[in-house]
Amino acid sequence: MERVPYTDDGLEAIIFTAQGDMRQALNNLQSTFSGFGFINSENVFKVCDEPHPLLVKEMIQHCVNANIDEAYKVGLLPPVLAEEPLTSWAEESGSPSDSCSLVASGLLTRRYHWQHLSSV
């Protein structure tokens, strides 16, 4: 039997990313161990190409507070999008909080599996 070093948050991340699919959980576990040799939440989310739910939550909180610059600093947006001028989005939508909504509801949905946010 192979011994796999892990943390409790790593196992929780495996469960979270598998979304109830045991085959996916085993695949995520194997991929994380092969890539990093250690199962923790940071490694699991890297292998599964999903943002850590706590980072998503932090970014959303900045959006709720209309602090768009801080939302971008969380680092979840692709580099190309992060370089786009925020003022143009704010001017088109009427307010900074609306521009953050555009980012959160449209761009991140396709790239970062937004559906996981509701279970955080």
PDB file of N, CA and C in Angstrom:
ATOM      1  N   MET A   1       0.850  -1.191   0.000  1.00  0.00           N
ATOM      2  CA  MET A   1       0.000   0.000   0.000  1.00  0.00           C
ATOM      3  C   MET A   1       0.885   1.240   0.000  1.00  0.00           C
ATOM      4  N   GLU A   2       0.600   2.149  -0.893  1.00  0.00           N
ATOM      5  CA  GLU A   2       1.378   3.378  -1.005  1.00  0.00           C
ATOM      6  C   GLU A   2       0.925   4.380   0.054  1.00  0.00           C
ATOM      7  N   ARG A   3       1.895   4.996   0.708  1.00  0.00           N
ATOM      8  CA  ARG A   3       1.578   6.024   1.711  1.00  0.00           C
ATOM      9  C   ARG A   3       1.612   7.384   1.039  1.00  0.00           C
ATOM     10  N   VAL A   4       0.505   8.107   1.145  1.00  0.00           N
ATOM     11  CA  VAL A   4       0.378   9.420   0.521  1.00  0.00           C
ATOM     12  C   VAL A   4       0.270  10.461   1.631  1.00  0.00           C
ATOM     13  N   PRO A   5       1.239  11.366   1.726  1.00  0.00           N
ATOM     14  CA  PRO A   5       1.140  12.408   2.747  1.00  0.00           C
ATOM     15  C   PRO A   5       0.051  13.420   2.374  1.00  0.00           C
ATOM     16  N   TYR A   6      -0.743  13.814   3.368  1.00  0.00           N
ATOM     17  CA  TYR A   6      -1.860  14.719   3.101  1.00  0.00           C
ATOM     18  C   TYR A   6      -2.176  15.561   4.331  1.00  0.00           C
ATOM     19  N   THR A   7      -2.921  16.612   4.080  1.00  0.00           N
ATOM     20  CA  THR A   7      -3.494  17.413   5.163  1.00  0.00           C
ATOM     21  C   THR A   7      -5.009  17.291   5.055  1.00  0.00           C
ATOM     22  N   ASP A   8      -5.698  17.627   6.129  1.00  0.00           N
ATOM     23  CA  ASP A   8      -7.163  17.558   6.105  1.00  0.00           C
ATOM     24  C   ASP A   8      -7.747  18.501   5.055  1.00  0.00           C
ATOM     25  N   ASP A   9      -7.161  19.709   4.925  1.00  0.00           N
ATOM     26  CA  ASP A   9      -7.684  20.639   3.911  1.00  0.00           C
ATOM     27  C   ASP A   9      -7.422  20.110   2.500  1.00  0.00           C
ATOM     28  N   GLY A  10      -6.391  19.300   2.330  1.00  0.00           N
ATOM     29  CA  GLY A  10      -6.136  18.676   1.038  1.00  0.00           C
ATOM     30  C   GLY A  10      -7.216  17.676   0.669  1.00  0.00           C
ATOM     31  N   LEU A  11      -7.640  16.876   1.640  1.00  0.00           N
ATOM     32  CA  LEU A  11      -8.725  15.920   1.383  1.00  0.00           C
ATOM     33  C   LEU A  11     -10.037  16.651   1.114  1.00  0.00           C
ATOM     34  N   GLU A  12     -10.276  17.738   1.841  1.00  0.00           N
ATOM     35  CA  GLU A  12     -11.482  18.536   1.591  1.00  0.00           C
ATOM     36  C   GLU A  12     -11.462  19.112   0.182  1.00  0.00           C
ATOM     37  N   ALA A  13     -10.291  19.534  -0.282  1.00  0.00           N
ATOM     38  CA  ALA A  13     -10.169  20.076  -1.634  1.00  0.00           C
ATOM     39  C   ALA A  13     -10.424  18.989  -2.679  1.00  0.00           C
ATOM     40  N   ILE A  14      -9.966  17.783  -2.421  1.00  0.00           N
ATOM     41  CA  ILE A  14     -10.234  16.661  -3.330  1.00  0.00           C
ATOM     42  C   ILE A  14     -11.735  16.438  -3.443  1.00  0.00           C
ATOM     43  N   ILE A  15     -12.420  16.429  -2.321  1.00  0.00           N
ATOM     44  CA  ILE A  15     -13.880  16.237  -2.312  1.00  0.00           C
ATOM     45  C   ILE A  15     -14.571  17.387  -3.037  1.00  0.00           C
ATOM     46  N   PHE A  16     -14.145  18.597  -2.765  1.00  0.00           N
ATOM     47  CA  PHE A  16     -14.749  19.787  -3.374  1.00  0.00           C
ATOM     48  C   PHE A  16     -14.603  19.777  -4.889  1.00  0.00           C
ATOM     49  N   THR A  17     -13.401  19.494  -5.380  1.00  0.00           N
ATOM     50  CA  THR A  17     -13.157  19.538  -6.822  1.00  0.00           C
ATOM     51  C   THR A  17     -13.802  18.366  -7.557  1.00  0.00           C
ATOM     52  N   ALA A  18     -14.047  17.267  -6.876  1.00  0.00           N
ATOM     53  CA  ALA A  18     -14.641  16.098  -7.527  1.00  0.00           C
ATOM     54  C   ALA A  18     -16.151  16.244  -7.713  1.00  0.00           C
ATOM     55  N   GLN A  19     -16.779  17.097  -6.951  1.00  0.00           N
ATOM     56  CA  GLN A  19     -18.220  17.343  -7.064  1.00  0.00           C
ATOM     57  C   GLN A  19     -19.034  16.048  -7.002  1.00  0.00           C
ATOM     58  N   GLY A  20     -18.668  15.161  -6.106  1.00  0.00           N
ATOM     59  CA  GLY A  20     -19.431  13.935  -5.905  1.00  0.00           C
ATOM     60  C   GLY A  20     -19.063  12.784  -6.832  1.00  0.00           C
ATOM     61  N   ASP A  21     -18.116  12.956  -7.715  1.00  0.00           N
ATOM     62  CA  ASP A  21     -17.715  11.921  -8.666  1.00  0.00           C
ATOM     63  C   ASP A  21     -16.473  11.209  -8.132  1.00  0.00           C
ATOM     64  N   MET A  22     -16.639   9.965  -7.706  1.00  0.00           N
ATOM     65  CA  MET A  22     -15.543   9.206  -7.107  1.00  0.00           C
ATOM     66  C   MET A  22     -14.383   9.025  -8.085  1.00  0.00           C
ATOM     67  N   ARG A  23     -14.677   8.786  -9.351  1.00  0.00           N
ATOM     68  CA  ARG A  23     -13.600   8.629 -10.342  1.00  0.00           C
ATOM     69  C   ARG A  23     -12.787   9.914 -10.450  1.00  0.00           C
ATOM     70  N   GLN A  24     -13.493  11.049 -10.437  1.00  0.00           N
ATOM     71  CA  GLN A  24     -12.804  12.331 -10.509  1.00  0.00           C
ATOM     72  C   GLN A  24     -11.968  12.567  -9.255  1.00  0.00           C
ATOM     73  N   ALA A  25     -12.488  12.167  -8.099  1.00  0.00           N
ATOM     74  CA  ALA A  25     -11.742  12.321  -6.840  1.00  0.00           C
ATOM     75  C   ALA A  25     -10.438  11.524  -6.888  1.00  0.00           C
ATOM     76  N   LEU A  26     -10.513  10.297  -7.357  1.00  0.00           N
ATOM     77  CA  LEU A  26      -9.308   9.470  -7.457  1.00  0.00           C
ATOM     78  C   LEU A  26      -8.320  10.047  -8.473  1.00  0.00           C
ATOM     79  N   ASN A  27      -8.846  10.538  -9.583  1.00  0.00           N
ATOM     80  CA  ASN A  27      -7.983  11.147 -10.601  1.00  0.00           C
ATOM     81  C   ASN A  27      -7.290  12.392 -10.034  1.00  0.00           C
ATOM     82  N   ASN A  28      -8.054  13.236  -9.326  1.00  0.00           N
ATOM     83  CA  ASN A  28      -7.475  14.447  -8.733  1.00  0.00           C
ATOM     84  C   ASN A  28      -6.419  14.093  -7.686  1.00  0.00           C
ATOM     85  N   LEU A  29      -6.700  13.080  -6.900  1.00  0.00           N
ATOM     86  CA  LEU A  29      -5.752  12.623  -5.881  1.00  0.00           C
ATOM     87  C   LEU A  29      -4.461  12.121  -6.533  1.00  0.00           C
ATOM     88  N   GLN A  30      -4.603  11.277  -7.529  1.00  0.00           N
ATOM     89  CA  GLN A  30      -3.437  10.725  -8.210  1.00  0.00           C
ATOM     90  C   GLN A  30      -2.633  11.818  -8.912  1.00  0.00           C
ATOM     91  N   SER A  31      -3.323  12.731  -9.580  1.00  0.00           N
ATOM     92  CA  SER A  31      -2.631  13.808 -10.292  1.00  0.00           C
ATOM     93  C   SER A  31      -1.885  14.727  -9.331  1.00  0.00           C
ATOM     94  N   THR A  32      -2.520  15.037  -8.213  1.00  0.00           N
ATOM     95  CA  THR A  32      -1.876  15.914  -7.228  1.00  0.00           C
ATOM     96  C   THR A  32      -0.655  15.238  -6.627  1.00  0.00           C
ATOM     97  N   PHE A  33      -0.788  13.973  -6.287  1.00  0.00           N
ATOM     98  CA  PHE A  33       0.363  13.255  -5.719  1.00  0.00           C
ATOM     99  C   PHE A  33       1.491  13.131  -6.735  1.00  0.00           C
ATOM    100  N   SER A  34       1.146  12.830  -7.984  1.00  0.00           N
ATOM    101  CA  SER A  34       2.176  12.703  -9.023  1.00  0.00           C
ATOM    102  C   SER A  34       2.891  14.027  -9.260  1.00  0.00           C
ATOM    103  N   GLY A  35       2.145  15.119  -9.216  1.00  0.00           N
ATOM    104  CA  GLY A  35       2.727  16.423  -9.504  1.00  0.00           C
ATOM    105  C   GLY A  35       3.492  17.038  -8.356  1.00  0.00           C
ATOM    106  N   PHE A  36       3.017  16.821  -7.126  1.00  0.00           N
ATOM    107  CA  PHE A  36       3.602  17.505  -5.972  1.00  0.00           C
ATOM    108  C   PHE A  36       4.124  16.573  -4.882  1.00  0.00           C
ATOM    109  N   GLY A  37       3.641  15.328  -4.837  1.00  0.00           N
ATOM    110  CA  GLY A  37       4.070  14.405  -3.799  1.00  0.00           C
ATOM    111  C   GLY A  37       3.461  14.680  -2.441  1.00  0.00           C
ATOM    112  N   PHE A  38       2.520  15.614  -2.382  1.00  0.00           N
ATOM    113  CA  PHE A  38       1.885  15.989  -1.118  1.00  0.00           C
ATOM    114  C   PHE A  38       0.490  16.526  -1.429  1.00  0.00           C
ATOM    115  N   ILE A  39      -0.497  16.092  -0.657  1.00  0.00           N
ATOM    116  CA  ILE A  39      -1.885  16.493  -0.890  1.00  0.00           C
ATOM    117  C   ILE A  39      -2.260  17.576   0.119  1.00  0.00           C
ATOM    118  N   ASN A  40      -2.314  18.821  -0.354  1.00  0.00           N
ATOM    119  CA  ASN A  40      -2.875  19.908   0.435  1.00  0.00           C
ATOM    120  C   ASN A  40      -3.770  20.726  -0.491  1.00  0.00           C
ATOM    121  N   SER A  41      -4.547  21.640   0.059  1.00  0.00           N
ATOM    122  CA  SER A  41      -5.535  22.346  -0.761  1.00  0.00           C
ATOM    123  C   SER A  41      -4.880  23.160  -1.875  1.00  0.00           C
ATOM    124  N   GLU A  42      -3.767  23.799  -1.582  1.00  0.00           N
ATOM    125  CA  GLU A  42      -3.094  24.610  -2.602  1.00  0.00           C
ATOM    126  C   GLU A  42      -2.691  23.753  -3.798  1.00  0.00           C
ATOM    127  N   ASN A  43      -2.101  22.600  -3.539  1.00  0.00           N
ATOM    128  CA  ASN A  43      -1.668  21.714  -4.619  1.00  0.00           C
ATOM    129  C   ASN A  43      -2.852  21.165  -5.412  1.00  0.00           C
ATOM    130  N   VAL A  44      -3.915  20.778  -4.709  1.00  0.00           N
ATOM    131  CA  VAL A  44      -5.093  20.220  -5.387  1.00  0.00           C
ATOM    132  C   VAL A  44      -5.702  21.247  -6.332  1.00  0.00           C
ATOM    133  N   PHE A  45      -5.887  22.479  -5.854  1.00  0.00           N
ATOM    134  CA  PHE A  45      -6.504  23.500  -6.697  1.00  0.00           C
ATOM    135  C   PHE A  45      -5.601  23.868  -7.878  1.00  0.00           C
ATOM    136  N   LYS A  46      -4.300  23.797  -7.708  1.00  0.00           N
ATOM    137  CA  LYS A  46      -3.390  24.044  -8.830  1.00  0.00           C
ATOM    138  C   LYS A  46      -3.545  22.964  -9.898  1.00  0.00           C
ATOM    139  N   VAL A  47      -3.534  21.715  -9.473  1.00  0.00           N
ATOM    140  CA  VAL A  47      -3.638  20.602 -10.413  1.00  0.00           C
ATOM    141  C   VAL A  47      -4.989  20.617 -11.137  1.00  0.00           C
ATOM    142  N   CYS A  48      -6.032  20.961 -10.416  1.00  0.00           N
ATOM    143  CA  CYS A  48      -7.380  20.954 -10.998  1.00  0.00           C
ATOM    144  C   CYS A  48      -7.702  22.238 -11.754  1.00  0.00           C
ATOM    145  N   ASP A  49      -6.764  23.174 -11.773  1.00  0.00           N
ATOM    146  CA  ASP A  49      -6.930  24.453 -12.463  1.00  0.00           C
ATOM    147  C   ASP A  49      -8.195  25.173 -12.010  1.00  0.00           C
ATOM    148  N   GLU A  50      -8.381  25.217 -10.709  1.00  0.00           N
ATOM    149  CA  GLU A  50      -9.496  25.936 -10.113  1.00  0.00           C
ATOM    150  C   GLU A  50      -8.933  26.886  -9.062  1.00  0.00           C
ATOM    151  N   PRO A  51      -9.529  28.062  -8.944  1.00  0.00           N
ATOM    152  CA  PRO A  51      -9.056  28.982  -7.910  1.00  0.00           C
ATOM    153  C   PRO A  51      -9.481  28.478  -6.540  1.00  0.00           C
ATOM    154  N   HIS A  52      -8.714  28.792  -5.550  1.00  0.00           N
ATOM    155  CA  HIS A  52      -9.083  28.416  -4.195  1.00  0.00           C
ATOM    156  C   HIS A  52     -10.351  29.178  -3.826  1.00  0.00           C
ATOM    157  N   PRO A  53     -11.353  28.499  -3.275  1.00  0.00           N
ATOM    158  CA  PRO A  53     -12.614  29.166  -2.936  1.00  0.00           C
ATOM    159  C   PRO A  53     -12.444  30.377  -2.020  1.00  0.00           C
ATOM    160  N   LEU A  54     -11.452  30.352  -1.152  1.00  0.00           N
ATOM    161  CA  LEU A  54     -11.245  31.498  -0.266  1.00  0.00           C
ATOM    162  C   LEU A  54     -10.764  32.719  -1.052  1.00  0.00           C
ATOM    163  N   LEU A  55      -9.990  32.494  -2.125  1.00  0.00           N
ATOM    164  CA  LEU A  55      -9.567  33.611  -2.971  1.00  0.00           C
ATOM    165  C   LEU A  55     -10.755  34.178  -3.745  1.00  0.00           C
ATOM    166  N   VAL A  56     -11.620  33.297  -4.223  1.00  0.00           N
ATOM    167  CA  VAL A  56     -12.819  33.757  -4.924  1.00  0.00           C
ATOM    168  C   VAL A  56     -13.690  34.577  -3.980  1.00  0.00           C
ATOM    169  N   LYS A  57     -13.852  34.077  -2.774  1.00  0.00           N
ATOM    170  CA  LYS A  57     -14.658  34.786  -1.781  1.00  0.00           C
ATOM    171  C   LYS A  57     -14.063  36.169  -1.478  1.00  0.00           C
ATOM    172  N   GLU A  58     -12.746  36.226  -1.358  1.00  0.00           N
ATOM    173  CA  GLU A  58     -12.078  37.499  -1.098  1.00  0.00           C
ATOM    174  C   GLU A  58     -12.290  38.472  -2.257  1.00  0.00           C
ATOM    175  N   MET A  59     -12.169  37.965  -3.487  1.00  0.00           N
ATOM    176  CA  MET A  59     -12.372  38.829  -4.640  1.00  0.00           C
ATOM    177  C   MET A  59     -13.803  39.356  -4.694  1.00  0.00           C
ATOM    178  N   ILE A  60     -14.775  38.501  -4.429  1.00  0.00           N
ATOM    179  CA  ILE A  60     -16.181  38.916  -4.436  1.00  0.00           C
ATOM    180  C   ILE A  60     -16.432  39.962  -3.355  1.00  0.00           C
ATOM    181  N   GLN A  61     -15.826  39.784  -2.196  1.00  0.00           N
ATOM    182  CA  GLN A  61     -16.010  40.762  -1.125  1.00  0.00           C
ATOM    183  C   GLN A  61     -15.476  42.132  -1.538  1.00  0.00           C
ATOM    184  N   HIS A  62     -14.345  42.154  -2.237  1.00  0.00           N
ATOM    185  CA  HIS A  62     -13.822  43.422  -2.743  1.00  0.00           C
ATOM    186  C   HIS A  62     -14.792  44.042  -3.752  1.00  0.00           C
ATOM    187  N   CYS A  63     -15.413  43.200  -4.582  1.00  0.00           N
ATOM    188  CA  CYS A  63     -16.396  43.701  -5.543  1.00  0.00           C
ATOM    189  C   CYS A  63     -17.609  44.282  -4.831  1.00  0.00           C
ATOM    190  N   VAL A  64     -18.081  43.592  -3.817  1.00  0.00           N
ATOM    191  CA  VAL A  64     -19.230  44.085  -3.047  1.00  0.00           C
ATOM    192  C   VAL A  64     -18.915  45.446  -2.438  1.00  0.00           C
ATOM    193  N   ASN A  65     -17.681  45.621  -2.024  1.00  0.00           N
ATOM    194  CA  ASN A  65     -17.250  46.887  -1.422  1.00  0.00           C
ATOM    195  C   ASN A  65     -16.832  47.915  -2.468  1.00  0.00           C
ATOM    196  N   ALA A  66     -17.053  47.598  -3.767  1.00  0.00           N
ATOM    197  CA  ALA A  66     -16.706  48.483  -4.893  1.00  0.00           C
ATOM    198  C   ALA A  66     -15.218  48.833  -4.904  1.00  0.00           C
ATOM    199  N   ASN A  67     -14.376  47.891  -4.480  1.00  0.00           N
ATOM    200  CA  ASN A  67     -12.932  48.102  -4.470  1.00  0.00           C
ATOM    201  C   ASN A  67     -12.317  47.231  -5.575  1.00  0.00           C
ATOM    202  N   ILE A  68     -12.449  47.687  -6.797  1.00  0.00           N
ATOM    203  CA  ILE A  68     -12.073  46.893  -7.960  1.00  0.00           C
ATOM    204  C   ILE A  68     -10.570  46.634  -8.019  1.00  0.00           C
ATOM    205  N   ASP A  69      -9.786  47.644  -7.682  1.00  0.00           N
ATOM    206  CA  ASP A  69      -8.332  47.454  -7.729  1.00  0.00           C
ATOM    207  C   ASP A  69      -7.897  46.318  -6.810  1.00  0.00           C
ATOM    208  N   GLU A  70      -8.464  46.248  -5.626  1.00  0.00           N
ATOM    209  CA  GLU A  70      -8.130  45.160  -4.696  1.00  0.00           C
ATOM    210  C   GLU A  70      -8.638  43.822  -5.215  1.00  0.00           C
ATOM    211  N   ALA A  71      -9.784  43.812  -5.887  1.00  0.00           N
ATOM    212  CA  ALA A  71     -10.309  42.570  -6.467  1.00  0.00           C
ATOM    213  C   ALA A  71      -9.326  42.023  -7.504  1.00  0.00           C
ATOM    214  N   TYR A  72      -8.745  42.901  -8.307  1.00  0.00           N
ATOM    215  CA  TYR A  72      -7.759  42.463  -9.294  1.00  0.00           C
ATOM    216  C   TYR A  72      -6.483  41.968  -8.637  1.00  0.00           C
ATOM    217  N   LYS A  73      -6.119  42.542  -7.506  1.00  0.00           N
ATOM    218  CA  LYS A  73      -4.884  42.137  -6.827  1.00  0.00           C
ATOM    219  C   LYS A  73      -4.946  40.721  -6.268  1.00  0.00           C
ATOM    220  N   VAL A  74      -6.155  40.184  -6.098  1.00  0.00           N
ATOM    221  CA  VAL A  74      -6.294  38.816  -5.604  1.00  0.00           C
ATOM    222  C   VAL A  74      -5.606  37.852  -6.563  1.00  0.00           C
ATOM    223  N   GLY A  75      -5.578  38.189  -7.846  1.00  0.00           N
ATOM    224  CA  GLY A  75      -4.806  37.405  -8.806  1.00  0.00           C
ATOM    225  C   GLY A  75      -5.561  36.306  -9.519  1.00  0.00           C
ATOM    226  N   LEU A  76      -6.880  36.361  -9.550  1.00  0.00           N
ATOM    227  CA  LEU A  76      -7.641  35.313 -10.218  1.00  0.00           C
ATOM    228  C   LEU A  76      -7.901  35.597 -11.687  1.00  0.00           C
ATOM    229  N   LEU A  77      -7.717  36.833 -12.098  1.00  0.00           N
ATOM    230  CA  LEU A  77      -7.975  37.170 -13.497  1.00  0.00           C
ATOM    231  C   LEU A  77      -6.768  36.833 -14.350  1.00  0.00           C
ATOM    232  N   PRO A  78      -7.018  36.353 -15.571  1.00  0.00           N
ATOM    233  CA  PRO A  78      -5.896  36.098 -16.486  1.00  0.00           C
ATOM    234  C   PRO A  78      -5.131  37.391 -16.734  1.00  0.00           C
ATOM    235  N   PRO A  79      -3.830  37.304 -16.992  1.00  0.00           N
ATOM    236  CA  PRO A  79      -3.007  38.508 -17.160  1.00  0.00           C
ATOM    237  C   PRO A  79      -3.541  39.476 -18.211  1.00  0.00           C
ATOM    238  N   VAL A  80      -4.068  38.981 -19.309  1.00  0.00           N
ATOM    239  CA  VAL A  80      -4.567  39.866 -20.351  1.00  0.00           C
ATOM    240  C   VAL A  80      -5.713  40.717 -19.818  1.00  0.00           C
ATOM    241  N   LEU A  81      -6.614  40.104 -19.060  1.00  0.00           N
ATOM    242  CA  LEU A  81      -7.747  40.848 -18.511  1.00  0.00           C
ATOM    243  C   LEU A  81      -7.301  41.826 -17.439  1.00  0.00           C
ATOM    244  N   ALA A  82      -6.325  41.447 -16.679  1.00  0.00           N
ATOM    245  CA  ALA A  82      -5.847  42.321 -15.614  1.00  0.00           C
ATOM    246  C   ALA A  82      -5.215  43.586 -16.180  1.00  0.00           C
ATOM    247  N   GLU A  83      -4.767  43.541 -17.433  1.00  0.00           N
ATOM    248  CA  GLU A  83      -4.153  44.705 -18.049  1.00  0.00           C
ATOM    249  C   GLU A  83      -5.181  45.651 -18.661  1.00  0.00           C
ATOM    250  N   GLU A  84      -6.431  45.204 -18.818  1.00  0.00           N
ATOM    251  CA  GLU A  84      -7.470  46.052 -19.397  1.00  0.00           C
ATOM    252  C   GLU A  84      -7.749  47.222 -18.461  1.00  0.00           C
ATOM    253  N   PRO A  85      -7.987  48.409 -19.014  1.00  0.00           N
ATOM    254  CA  PRO A  85      -8.281  49.555 -18.156  1.00  0.00           C
ATOM    255  C   PRO A  85      -9.629  49.399 -17.475  1.00  0.00           C
ATOM    256  N   LEU A  86      -9.635  49.510 -16.167  1.00  0.00           N
ATOM    257  CA  LEU A  86     -10.867  49.366 -15.402  1.00  0.00           C
ATOM    258  C   LEU A  86     -11.798  50.545 -15.617  1.00  0.00           C
ATOM    259  N   THR A  87     -11.262  51.713 -15.881  1.00  0.00           N
ATOM    260  CA  THR A  87     -12.098  52.902 -16.003  1.00  0.00           C
ATOM    261  C   THR A  87     -13.065  52.778 -17.172  1.00  0.00           C
ATOM    262  N   SER A  88     -12.672  52.123 -18.257  1.00  0.00           N
ATOM    263  CA  SER A  88     -13.583  52.008 -19.397  1.00  0.00           C
ATOM    264  C   SER A  88     -14.793  51.160 -19.029  1.00  0.00           C
ATOM    265  N   TRP A  89     -14.607  50.094 -18.256  1.00  0.00           N
ATOM    266  CA  TRP A  89     -15.742  49.279 -17.829  1.00  0.00           C
ATOM    267  C   TRP A  89     -16.643  50.074 -16.898  1.00  0.00           C
ATOM    268  N   ALA A  90     -16.050  50.817 -15.997  1.00  0.00           N
ATOM    269  CA  ALA A  90     -16.834  51.600 -15.056  1.00  0.00           C
ATOM    270  C   ALA A  90     -17.630  52.677 -15.786  1.00  0.00           C
ATOM    271  N   GLU A  91     -17.020  53.321 -16.780  1.00  0.00           N
ATOM    272  CA  GLU A  91     -17.719  54.358 -17.528  1.00  0.00           C
ATOM    273  C   GLU A  91     -18.878  53.779 -18.325  1.00  0.00           C
ATOM    274  N   GLU A  92     -18.687  52.610 -18.930  1.00  0.00           N
ATOM    275  CA  GLU A  92     -19.742  51.997 -19.724  1.00  0.00           C
ATOM    276  C   GLU A  92     -20.914  51.553 -18.858  1.00  0.00           C
ATOM    277  N   SER A  93     -20.643  51.032 -17.679  1.00  0.00           N
ATOM    278  CA  SER A  93     -21.705  50.477 -16.852  1.00  0.00           C
ATOM    279  C   SER A  93     -22.285  51.495 -15.889  1.00  0.00           C
ATOM    280  N   GLY A  94     -21.578  52.566 -15.622  1.00  0.00           N
ATOM    281  CA  GLY A  94     -22.124  53.605 -14.766  1.00  0.00           C
ATOM    282  C   GLY A  94     -21.523  53.667 -13.380  1.00  0.00           C
ATOM    283  N   SER A  95     -20.966  52.562 -12.883  1.00  0.00           N
ATOM    284  CA  SER A  95     -20.364  52.604 -11.554  1.00  0.00           C
ATOM    285  C   SER A  95     -19.319  51.516 -11.421  1.00  0.00           C
ATOM    286  N   PRO A  96     -18.360  51.709 -10.505  1.00  0.00           N
ATOM    287  CA  PRO A  96     -17.323  50.687 -10.306  1.00  0.00           C
ATOM    288  C   PRO A  96     -17.892  49.344  -9.882  1.00  0.00           C
ATOM    289  N   SER A  97     -18.938  49.335  -9.072  1.00  0.00           N
ATOM    290  CA  SER A  97     -19.477  48.050  -8.627  1.00  0.00           C
ATOM    291  C   SER A  97     -20.108  47.301  -9.794  1.00  0.00           C
ATOM    292  N   ASP A  98     -20.714  48.017 -10.756  1.00  0.00           N
ATOM    293  CA  ASP A  98     -21.256  47.365 -11.938  1.00  0.00           C
ATOM    294  C   ASP A  98     -20.152  46.747 -12.776  1.00  0.00           C
ATOM    295  N   SER A  99     -19.027  47.427 -12.882  1.00  0.00           N
ATOM    296  CA  SER A  99     -17.936  46.872 -13.681  1.00  0.00           C
ATOM    297  C   SER A  99     -17.397  45.612 -13.035  1.00  0.00           C
ATOM    298  N   CYS A 100     -17.362  45.589 -11.719  1.00  0.00           N
ATOM    299  CA  CYS A 100     -16.919  44.380 -11.029  1.00  0.00           C
ATOM    300  C   CYS A 100     -17.920  43.251 -11.269  1.00  0.00           C
ATOM    301  N   SER A 101     -19.196  43.569 -11.331  1.00  0.00           N
ATOM    302  CA  SER A 101     -20.203  42.554 -11.624  1.00  0.00           C
ATOM    303  C   SER A 101     -19.986  41.964 -13.003  1.00  0.00           C
ATOM    304  N   LEU A 102     -19.624  42.811 -13.978  1.00  0.00           N
ATOM    305  CA  LEU A 102     -19.338  42.311 -15.315  1.00  0.00           C
ATOM    306  C   LEU A 102     -18.205  41.302 -15.278  1.00  0.00           C
ATOM    307  N   VAL A 103     -17.172  41.625 -14.549  1.00  0.00           N
ATOM    308  CA  VAL A 103     -16.026  40.724 -14.444  1.00  0.00           C
ATOM    309  C   VAL A 103     -16.450  39.425 -13.776  1.00  0.00           C
ATOM    310  N   ALA A 104     -17.129  39.544 -12.635  1.00  0.00           N
ATOM    311  CA  ALA A 104     -17.477  38.355 -11.859  1.00  0.00           C
ATOM    312  C   ALA A 104     -18.472  37.467 -12.589  1.00  0.00           C
ATOM    313  N   SER A 105     -19.514  38.042 -13.159  1.00  0.00           N
ATOM    314  CA  SER A 105     -20.556  37.201 -13.743  1.00  0.00           C
ATOM    315  C   SER A 105     -20.214  36.697 -15.137  1.00  0.00           C
ATOM    316  N   GLY A 106     -19.439  37.440 -15.908  1.00  0.00           N
ATOM    317  CA  GLY A 106     -19.187  37.040 -17.277  1.00  0.00           C
ATOM    318  C   GLY A 106     -17.868  36.362 -17.502  1.00  0.00           C
ATOM    319  N   LEU A 107     -16.789  37.044 -17.219  1.00  0.00           N
ATOM    320  CA  LEU A 107     -15.472  36.542 -17.588  1.00  0.00           C
ATOM    321  C   LEU A 107     -15.023  35.396 -16.702  1.00  0.00           C
ATOM    322  N   LEU A 108     -15.238  35.507 -15.401  1.00  0.00           N
ATOM    323  CA  LEU A 108     -14.770  34.449 -14.507  1.00  0.00           C
ATOM    324  C   LEU A 108     -15.621  33.196 -14.606  1.00  0.00           C
ATOM    325  N   THR A 109     -16.881  33.335 -14.980  1.00  0.00           N
ATOM    326  CA  THR A 109     -17.743  32.171 -15.068  1.00  0.00           C
ATOM    327  C   THR A 109     -17.164  31.148 -16.026  1.00  0.00           C
ATOM    328  N   ARG A 110     -16.788  31.588 -17.198  1.00  0.00           N
ATOM    329  CA  ARG A 110     -16.286  30.644 -18.196  1.00  0.00           C
ATOM    330  C   ARG A 110     -14.921  30.097 -17.829  1.00  0.00           C
ATOM    331  N   ARG A 111     -14.064  30.908 -17.264  1.00  0.00           N
ATOM    332  CA  ARG A 111     -12.676  30.488 -17.040  1.00  0.00           C
ATOM    333  C   ARG A 111     -12.485  29.737 -15.736  1.00  0.00           C
ATOM    334  N   TYR A 112     -13.217  30.056 -14.725  1.00  0.00           N
ATOM    335  CA  TYR A 112     -12.869  29.543 -13.408  1.00  0.00           C
ATOM    336  C   TYR A 112     -13.976  28.765 -12.698  1.00  0.00           C
ATOM    337  N   HIS A 113     -14.869  28.176 -13.433  1.00  0.00           N
ATOM    338  CA  HIS A 113     -15.864  27.275 -12.827  1.00  0.00           C
ATOM    339  C   HIS A 113     -16.616  27.961 -11.695  1.00  0.00           C
ATOM    340  N   TRP A 114     -17.233  29.062 -12.022  1.00  0.00           N
ATOM    341  CA  TRP A 114     -17.891  29.926 -11.047  1.00  0.00           C
ATOM    342  C   TRP A 114     -18.926  29.189 -10.197  1.00  0.00           C
ATOM    343  N   GLN A 115     -19.480  28.073 -10.707  1.00  0.00           N
ATOM    344  CA  GLN A 115     -20.545  27.384  -9.991  1.00  0.00           C
ATOM    345  C   GLN A 115     -20.115  26.905  -8.607  1.00  0.00           C
ATOM    346  N   HIS A 116     -18.825  26.805  -8.349  1.00  0.00           N
ATOM    347  CA  HIS A 116     -18.354  26.346  -7.045  1.00  0.00           C
ATOM    348  C   HIS A 116     -18.545  27.391  -5.954  1.00  0.00           C
ATOM    349  N   LEU A 117     -18.702  28.639  -6.338  1.00  0.00           N
ATOM    350  CA  LEU A 117     -18.797  29.699  -5.342  1.00  0.00           C
ATOM    351  C   LEU A 117     -19.973  29.501  -4.403  1.00  0.00           C
ATOM    352  N   SER A 118     -21.099  28.991  -4.919  1.00  0.00           N
ATOM    353  CA  SER A 118     -22.287  28.848  -4.084  1.00  0.00           C
ATOM    354  C   SER A 118     -22.083  27.833  -2.960  1.00  0.00           C
ATOM    355  N   SER A 119     -21.136  26.940  -3.089  1.00  0.00           N
ATOM    356  CA  SER A 119     -20.929  25.946  -2.038  1.00  0.00           C
ATOM    357  C   SER A 119     -19.826  26.339  -1.062  1.00  0.00           C
ATOM    358  N   VAL A 120     -19.302  27.569  -1.177  1.00  0.00           N
ATOM    359  CA  VAL A 120     -18.259  28.034  -0.274  1.00  0.00           C
ATOM    360  C   VAL A 120     -18.892  28.536   0.998  1.00  0.00           C
TER     361      VAL A 120
END
